[in-house]
Amino acid sequence: YAARHQQHLDANADLVGLCAANAMA
């Protein structure tokens, strides 16, 4: 989806976001 919409994607930030989401879970 980042490629489809020419969005800058920070893979490291997404790992932090997934980490935080599972911590909250």
PDB file of all heavy atoms in Angstrom:
ATOM      1  N   TYR A   1       0.821  -1.210   0.000  1.00  0.00           N
ATOM      2  CA  TYR A   1       0.000   0.000   0.000  1.00  0.00           C
ATOM      3  C   TYR A   1       0.857   1.264   0.000  1.00  0.00           C
ATOM      4  O   TYR A   1       0.436   2.288  -0.552  1.00  0.00           O
ATOM      5  CB  TYR A   1      -0.966  -0.029   1.183  1.00  0.00           C
ATOM      6  CG  TYR A   1      -2.057  -1.046   0.975  1.00  0.00           C
ATOM      7  CD1 TYR A   1      -1.927  -2.358   1.452  1.00  0.00           C
ATOM      8  CD2 TYR A   1      -3.201  -0.728   0.256  1.00  0.00           C
ATOM      9  CE1 TYR A   1      -2.910  -3.300   1.220  1.00  0.00           C
ATOM     10  CE2 TYR A   1      -4.191  -1.676   0.020  1.00  0.00           C
ATOM     11  CZ  TYR A   1      -4.043  -2.948   0.504  1.00  0.00           C
ATOM     12  OH  TYR A   1      -5.010  -3.894   0.256  1.00  0.00           O
ATOM     13  N   ALA A   2       2.029   1.214   0.583  1.00  0.00           N
ATOM     14  CA  ALA A   2       2.926   2.361   0.525  1.00  0.00           C
ATOM     15  C   ALA A   2       3.375   2.609  -0.914  1.00  0.00           C
ATOM     16  O   ALA A   2       3.417   3.749  -1.382  1.00  0.00           O
ATOM     17  CB  ALA A   2       4.130   2.141   1.427  1.00  0.00           C
ATOM     18  N   ALA A   3       3.710   1.539  -1.631  1.00  0.00           N
ATOM     19  CA  ALA A   3       4.124   1.682  -3.030  1.00  0.00           C
ATOM     20  C   ALA A   3       2.967   2.155  -3.903  1.00  0.00           C
ATOM     21  O   ALA A   3       3.141   2.997  -4.789  1.00  0.00           O
ATOM     22  CB  ALA A   3       4.668   0.345  -3.552  1.00  0.00           C
ATOM     23  N   ARG A   4       1.786   1.649  -3.635  1.00  0.00           N
ATOM     24  CA  ARG A   4       0.621   2.003  -4.453  1.00  0.00           C
ATOM     25  C   ARG A   4       0.274   3.485  -4.318  1.00  0.00           C
ATOM     26  O   ARG A   4      -0.186   4.115  -5.281  1.00  0.00           O
ATOM     27  CB  ARG A   4      -0.570   1.136  -4.037  1.00  0.00           C
ATOM     28  CG  ARG A   4      -1.819   1.330  -4.893  1.00  0.00           C
ATOM     29  CD  ARG A   4      -2.920   0.399  -4.436  1.00  0.00           C
ATOM     30  NE  ARG A   4      -2.543  -1.006  -4.584  1.00  0.00           N
ATOM     31  CZ  ARG A   4      -3.285  -2.023  -4.138  1.00  0.00           C
ATOM     32  NH1 ARG A   4      -4.428  -1.772  -3.493  1.00  0.00           N
ATOM     33  NH2 ARG A   4      -2.889  -3.267  -4.310  1.00  0.00           N
ATOM     34  N   HIS A   5       0.492   4.044  -3.150  1.00  0.00           N
ATOM     35  CA  HIS A   5       0.108   5.438  -2.899  1.00  0.00           C
ATOM     36  C   HIS A   5       1.311   6.362  -2.734  1.00  0.00           C
ATOM     37  O   HIS A   5       1.171   7.464  -2.188  1.00  0.00           O
ATOM     38  CB  HIS A   5      -0.781   5.504  -1.650  1.00  0.00           C
ATOM     39  CG  HIS A   5      -2.070   4.753  -1.801  1.00  0.00           C
ATOM     40  ND1 HIS A   5      -3.185   5.282  -2.421  1.00  0.00           N
ATOM     41  CD2 HIS A   5      -2.419   3.486  -1.422  1.00  0.00           C
ATOM     42  CE1 HIS A   5      -4.166   4.390  -2.417  1.00  0.00           C
ATOM     43  NE2 HIS A   5      -3.733   3.288  -1.817  1.00  0.00           N
ATOM     44  N   GLN A   6       2.500   5.916  -3.173  1.00  0.00           N
ATOM     45  CA  GLN A   6       3.716   6.722  -3.100  1.00  0.00           C
ATOM     46  C   GLN A   6       3.924   7.300  -1.689  1.00  0.00           C
ATOM     47  O   GLN A   6       4.209   8.479  -1.509  1.00  0.00           O
ATOM     48  CB  GLN A   6       3.701   7.867  -4.115  1.00  0.00           C
ATOM     49  CG  GLN A   6       3.752   7.432  -5.572  1.00  0.00           C
ATOM     50  CD  GLN A   6       2.405   6.966  -6.107  1.00  0.00           C
ATOM     51  OE1 GLN A   6       1.403   7.649  -5.923  1.00  0.00           O
ATOM     52  NE2 GLN A   6       2.383   5.813  -6.754  1.00  0.00           N
ATOM     53  N   GLN A   7       3.743   6.455  -0.688  1.00  0.00           N
ATOM     54  CA  GLN A   7       3.908   6.871   0.698  1.00  0.00           C
ATOM     55  C   GLN A   7       5.284   6.458   1.198  1.00  0.00           C
ATOM     56  O   GLN A   7       5.764   5.367   0.897  1.00  0.00           O
ATOM     57  CB  GLN A   7       2.835   6.215   1.579  1.00  0.00           C
ATOM     58  CG  GLN A   7       3.017   6.488   3.066  1.00  0.00           C
ATOM     59  CD  GLN A   7       2.618   5.300   3.931  1.00  0.00           C
ATOM     60  OE1 GLN A   7       2.031   4.348   3.462  1.00  0.00           O
ATOM     61  NE2 GLN A   7       2.951   5.365   5.197  1.00  0.00           N
ATOM     62  N   HIS A   8       5.926   7.354   1.950  1.00  0.00           N
ATOM     63  CA  HIS A   8       7.186   6.981   2.594  1.00  0.00           C
ATOM     64  C   HIS A   8       6.880   6.041   3.752  1.00  0.00           C
ATOM     65  O   HIS A   8       6.065   6.345   4.623  1.00  0.00           O
ATOM     66  CB  HIS A   8       7.911   8.226   3.121  1.00  0.00           C
ATOM     67  CG  HIS A   8       9.087   7.884   3.991  1.00  0.00           C
ATOM     68  ND1 HIS A   8      10.241   7.320   3.483  1.00  0.00           N
ATOM     69  CD2 HIS A   8       9.269   7.995   5.344  1.00  0.00           C
ATOM     70  CE1 HIS A   8      11.092   7.109   4.478  1.00  0.00           C
ATOM     71  NE2 HIS A   8      10.533   7.515   5.609  1.00  0.00           N
ATOM     72  N   LEU A   9       7.541   4.896   3.757  1.00  0.00           N
ATOM     73  CA  LEU A   9       7.300   3.890   4.791  1.00  0.00           C
ATOM     74  C   LEU A   9       8.554   3.709   5.629  1.00  0.00           C
ATOM     75  O   LEU A   9       9.634   3.460   5.100  1.00  0.00           O
ATOM     76  CB  LEU A   9       6.910   2.557   4.149  1.00  0.00           C
ATOM     77  CG  LEU A   9       6.512   1.429   5.107  1.00  0.00           C
ATOM     78  CD1 LEU A   9       5.194   1.755   5.789  1.00  0.00           C
ATOM     79  CD2 LEU A   9       6.390   0.109   4.350  1.00  0.00           C
ATOM     80  N   ASP A  10       8.408   3.850   6.927  1.00  0.00           N
ATOM     81  CA  ASP A  10       9.498   3.620   7.870  1.00  0.00           C
ATOM     82  C   ASP A  10       9.278   2.250   8.512  1.00  0.00           C
ATOM     83  O   ASP A  10       8.483   2.122   9.446  1.00  0.00           O
ATOM     84  CB  ASP A  10       9.529   4.727   8.918  1.00  0.00           C
ATOM     85  CG  ASP A  10      10.730   4.619   9.856  1.00  0.00           C
ATOM     86  OD1 ASP A  10      11.381   3.556   9.855  1.00  0.00           O
ATOM     87  OD2 ASP A  10      11.011   5.585  10.582  1.00  0.00           O
ATOM     88  N   ALA A  11       9.958   1.224   7.984  1.00  0.00           N
ATOM     89  CA  ALA A  11       9.745  -0.143   8.475  1.00  0.00           C
ATOM     90  C   ALA A  11      10.092  -0.273   9.946  1.00  0.00           C
ATOM     91  O   ALA A  11       9.440  -1.022  10.692  1.00  0.00           O
ATOM     92  CB  ALA A  11      10.571  -1.123   7.650  1.00  0.00           C
ATOM     93  N   ASN A  12      11.104   0.461  10.407  1.00  0.00           N
ATOM     94  CA  ASN A  12      11.482   0.391  11.818  1.00  0.00           C
ATOM     95  C   ASN A  12      10.394   0.971  12.710  1.00  0.00           C
ATOM     96  O   ASN A  12      10.115   0.453  13.797  1.00  0.00           O
ATOM     97  CB  ASN A  12      12.804   1.130  12.037  1.00  0.00           C
ATOM     98  CG  ASN A  12      13.975   0.399  11.417  1.00  0.00           C
ATOM     99  OD1 ASN A  12      14.028  -0.817  11.426  1.00  0.00           O
ATOM    100  ND2 ASN A  12      14.911   1.145  10.854  1.00  0.00           N
ATOM    101  N   ALA A  13       9.770   2.070  12.251  1.00  0.00           N
ATOM    102  CA  ALA A  13       8.667   2.652  13.030  1.00  0.00           C
ATOM    103  C   ALA A  13       7.485   1.689  13.092  1.00  0.00           C
ATOM    104  O   ALA A  13       6.808   1.577  14.126  1.00  0.00           O
ATOM    105  CB  ALA A  13       8.238   3.986  12.424  1.00  0.00           C
ATOM    106  N   ASP A  14       7.235   0.967  11.995  1.00  0.00           N
ATOM    107  CA  ASP A  14       6.148  -0.012  12.002  1.00  0.00           C
ATOM    108  C   ASP A  14       6.432  -1.137  12.992  1.00  0.00           C
ATOM    109  O   ASP A  14       5.503  -1.649  13.646  1.00  0.00           O
ATOM    110  CB  ASP A  14       5.940  -0.583  10.603  1.00  0.00           C
ATOM    111  CG  ASP A  14       5.084   0.328   9.740  1.00  0.00           C
ATOM    112  OD1 ASP A  14       4.574   1.332  10.271  1.00  0.00           O
ATOM    113  OD2 ASP A  14       4.934   0.048   8.539  1.00  0.00           O
ATOM    114  N   LEU A  15       7.698  -1.553  13.106  1.00  0.00           N
ATOM    115  CA  LEU A  15       8.040  -2.570  14.107  1.00  0.00           C
ATOM    116  C   LEU A  15       7.756  -2.061  15.512  1.00  0.00           C
ATOM    117  O   LEU A  15       7.245  -2.802  16.360  1.00  0.00           O
ATOM    118  CB  LEU A  15       9.510  -2.964  13.977  1.00  0.00           C
ATOM    119  CG  LEU A  15       9.876  -3.883  12.813  1.00  0.00           C
ATOM    120  CD1 LEU A  15      11.381  -4.106  12.754  1.00  0.00           C
ATOM    121  CD2 LEU A  15       9.158  -5.227  12.936  1.00  0.00           C
ATOM    122  N   VAL A  16       8.056  -0.792  15.764  1.00  0.00           N
ATOM    123  CA  VAL A  16       7.747  -0.194  17.070  1.00  0.00           C
ATOM    124  C   VAL A  16       6.239  -0.163  17.278  1.00  0.00           C
ATOM    125  O   VAL A  16       5.731  -0.461  18.367  1.00  0.00           O
ATOM    126  CB  VAL A  16       8.353   1.212  17.187  1.00  0.00           C
ATOM    127  CG1 VAL A  16       7.912   1.873  18.487  1.00  0.00           C
ATOM    128  CG2 VAL A  16       9.872   1.149  17.130  1.00  0.00           C
ATOM    129  N   GLY A  17       5.497   0.216  16.216  1.00  0.00           N
ATOM    130  CA  GLY A  17       4.043   0.254  16.330  1.00  0.00           C
ATOM    131  C   GLY A  17       3.450  -1.113  16.599  1.00  0.00           C
ATOM    132  O   GLY A  17       2.539  -1.259  17.429  1.00  0.00           O
ATOM    133  N   LEU A  18       3.946  -2.145  15.913  1.00  0.00           N
ATOM    134  CA  LEU A  18       3.454  -3.507  16.147  1.00  0.00           C
ATOM    135  C   LEU A  18       3.829  -3.990  17.536  1.00  0.00           C
ATOM    136  O   LEU A  18       3.056  -4.708  18.192  1.00  0.00           O
ATOM    137  CB  LEU A  18       4.028  -4.442  15.084  1.00  0.00           C
ATOM    138  CG  LEU A  18       3.495  -4.229  13.667  1.00  0.00           C
ATOM    139  CD1 LEU A  18       4.385  -4.921  12.642  1.00  0.00           C
ATOM    140  CD2 LEU A  18       2.065  -4.749  13.552  1.00  0.00           C
ATOM    141  N   CYS A  19       5.018  -3.603  18.001  1.00  0.00           N
ATOM    142  CA  CYS A  19       5.443  -3.933  19.356  1.00  0.00           C
ATOM    143  C   CYS A  19       4.498  -3.302  20.372  1.00  0.00           C
ATOM    144  O   CYS A  19       4.021  -3.971  21.295  1.00  0.00           O
ATOM    145  CB  CYS A  19       6.881  -3.456  19.580  1.00  0.00           C
ATOM    146  SG  CYS A  19       7.390  -3.416  21.305  1.00  0.00           S
ATOM    147  N   ALA A  20       4.200  -2.007  20.197  1.00  0.00           N
ATOM    148  CA  ALA A  20       3.304  -1.312  21.131  1.00  0.00           C
ATOM    149  C   ALA A  20       1.904  -1.911  21.096  1.00  0.00           C
ATOM    150  O   ALA A  20       1.244  -2.063  22.144  1.00  0.00           O
ATOM    151  CB  ALA A  20       3.261   0.174  20.780  1.00  0.00           C
ATOM    152  N   ALA A  21       1.419  -2.272  19.886  1.00  0.00           N
ATOM    153  CA  ALA A  21       0.077  -2.850  19.763  1.00  0.00           C
ATOM    154  C   ALA A  21      -0.022  -4.167  20.518  1.00  0.00           C
ATOM    155  O   ALA A  21      -1.008  -4.430  21.227  1.00  0.00           O
ATOM    156  CB  ALA A  21      -0.260  -3.050  18.285  1.00  0.00           C
ATOM    157  N   ASN A  22       0.991  -5.014  20.402  1.00  0.00           N
ATOM    158  CA  ASN A  22       0.955  -6.294  21.112  1.00  0.00           C
ATOM    159  C   ASN A  22       1.177  -6.125  22.609  1.00  0.00           C
ATOM    160  O   ASN A  22       0.641  -6.898  23.408  1.00  0.00           O
ATOM    161  CB  ASN A  22       1.978  -7.251  20.506  1.00  0.00           C
ATOM    162  CG  ASN A  22       1.452  -7.939  19.261  1.00  0.00           C
ATOM    163  OD1 ASN A  22       0.683  -8.892  19.342  1.00  0.00           O
ATOM    164  ND2 ASN A  22       1.845  -7.436  18.100  1.00  0.00           N
ATOM    165  N   ALA A  23       1.969  -5.129  22.992  1.00  0.00           N
ATOM    166  CA  ALA A  23       2.123  -4.847  24.427  1.00  0.00           C
ATOM    167  C   ALA A  23       0.783  -4.426  25.024  1.00  0.00           C
ATOM    168  O   ALA A  23       0.403  -4.887  26.108  1.00  0.00           O
ATOM    169  CB  ALA A  23       3.177  -3.756  24.633  1.00  0.00           C
ATOM    170  N   MET A  24       0.037  -3.567  24.318  1.00  0.00           N
ATOM    171  CA  MET A  24      -1.282  -3.152  24.795  1.00  0.00           C
ATOM    172  C   MET A  24      -2.246  -4.334  24.822  1.00  0.00           C
ATOM    173  O   MET A  24      -3.089  -4.442  25.718  1.00  0.00           O
ATOM    174  CB  MET A  24      -1.828  -2.041  23.898  1.00  0.00           C
ATOM    175  CG  MET A  24      -1.117  -0.709  24.027  1.00  0.00           C
ATOM    176  SD  MET A  24      -1.206   0.009  25.699  1.00  0.00           S
ATOM    177  CE  MET A  24       0.398  -0.442  26.338  1.00  0.00           C
ATOM    178  N   ALA A  25      -2.129  -5.234  23.831  1.00  0.00           N
ATOM    179  CA  ALA A  25      -2.975  -6.428  23.830  1.00  0.00           C
ATOM    180  C   ALA A  25      -2.705  -7.271  25.075  1.00  0.00           C
ATOM    181  O   ALA A  25      -3.639  -7.722  25.755  1.00  0.00           O
ATOM    182  CB  ALA A  25      -2.727  -7.246  22.564  1.00  0.00           C
TER     183      ALA A  25
END
